[in-house]
Structure formats: structure tokens, C-alpha cells
Amino acid sequence: MSAALPGAPAAALAGLFLVMTQGARVSWESLVDHLRANPAGYVLALIAAAAWSLYSNLARRWASPGGGGAVELFVPATGLLLLLAHSIRPESGAWTAKAAIEAGVLGWITALAYVLWDVAMREGDLPFVLACSYFTPLLSTLVSSAYLGVLPPATLWLGCFLIVVGSLASWRSVFDAR
């Protein structure tokens, strides 16, 4: 095992903590208060994380070589179901042409990302794919900042940096072990 391995996840988790808290005061009491106030949200998030990790790891094992996954059908079907739900119970707010275009572009980008992730998980080099996936916070921050015309605080950049460095160090330790 590489000497960097124990510090790599710690760096990534520290980065995640910085990104998520943005300088807010965090305590065990506040965590317990949040859990009590909205247990369903935390339970659903835990179920989603477990389902996503199981899918990401088992898709390669269960998929036939060169075969496609269900993501190409699941993502558009989910979008249609959400549109149906929105038509049944509309939310307040008005759709502008700009908002509709933005939602459409984001929908296509998200669908493409899920399809490419599915292919990468089934056929790619898993440690490399996973290491690259940790660039997502950095890329997301860059694109969002540029589009919205805002400059994020230094803690966000530091958090993104720690996530990327921790991820690359983890990938490197796995790569060296091969």
C-alpha cells in the first residue's frame, strides 16, 4: 500500500467539508438537529448513495460485453415522469424562454453525462474513471462561476483543490499497486 493512501481520502474529505460548509459553524448538535428535522431527506440520500455505488460497481459485472445499459432509457423516462408530475402539481413561478432553453441544455448535458458514465463504468479503467470523476466539483465550479458571473470564495476553491488532489493521490496509490 502506498504511503499516500491514508492521507488521500482525508484530503478529499477535508475538501468536501470546506465546500459543503463554506465557513459555517458545524457541530454534532447541528447535525443531530438536521437529522431530526428532516430524517426522510437523509434516509433517501443514503439509499440513493448506496444504490448509485452498487449500480456503478455491478454494472460492469452484469453487463454483456459491448452491450448497452438501461441509462439511455432511464434518464429520458425520468425526465418525462418529472414533467408529468409538474403538470399535475405545478409549482409557482414563470417559465421564460431563457429558463426553458437552460433547462433543455442542462437536461441534455445531464443525460449525456449519465450515458458516458455508464459506458465508462462498464468498459473503462475504473480507478482512472473514478479519479477523473473527482474533477467534477472543480469543473462545475468553473462553469457555474463563469455563467453566473460570480467569484466563489477562497474556501470553495481550496475545497475543490483538496478533493482533486485527494482523488489523484488515491488513484495514484491504486495505480502503483498494480
Foldseek 3Di string as FASTA:
>chain_A
DDPCQVVLVVLLVVLVVLQVQVPPDDDPVVVVVVCVVCVPVVVVVVVVVVVVVCCLQCLQVPDDVVDADCLLVVLVVVVVVVVVVCVVPPDDDDDDPVNVVVVVVVSVVVSVVVRVSSCCSNPHDVLVSQLVVLLVLVVVVVVVCVVVVHDDDPSNVSSSVSSNRSSVSNSVVVVVVD
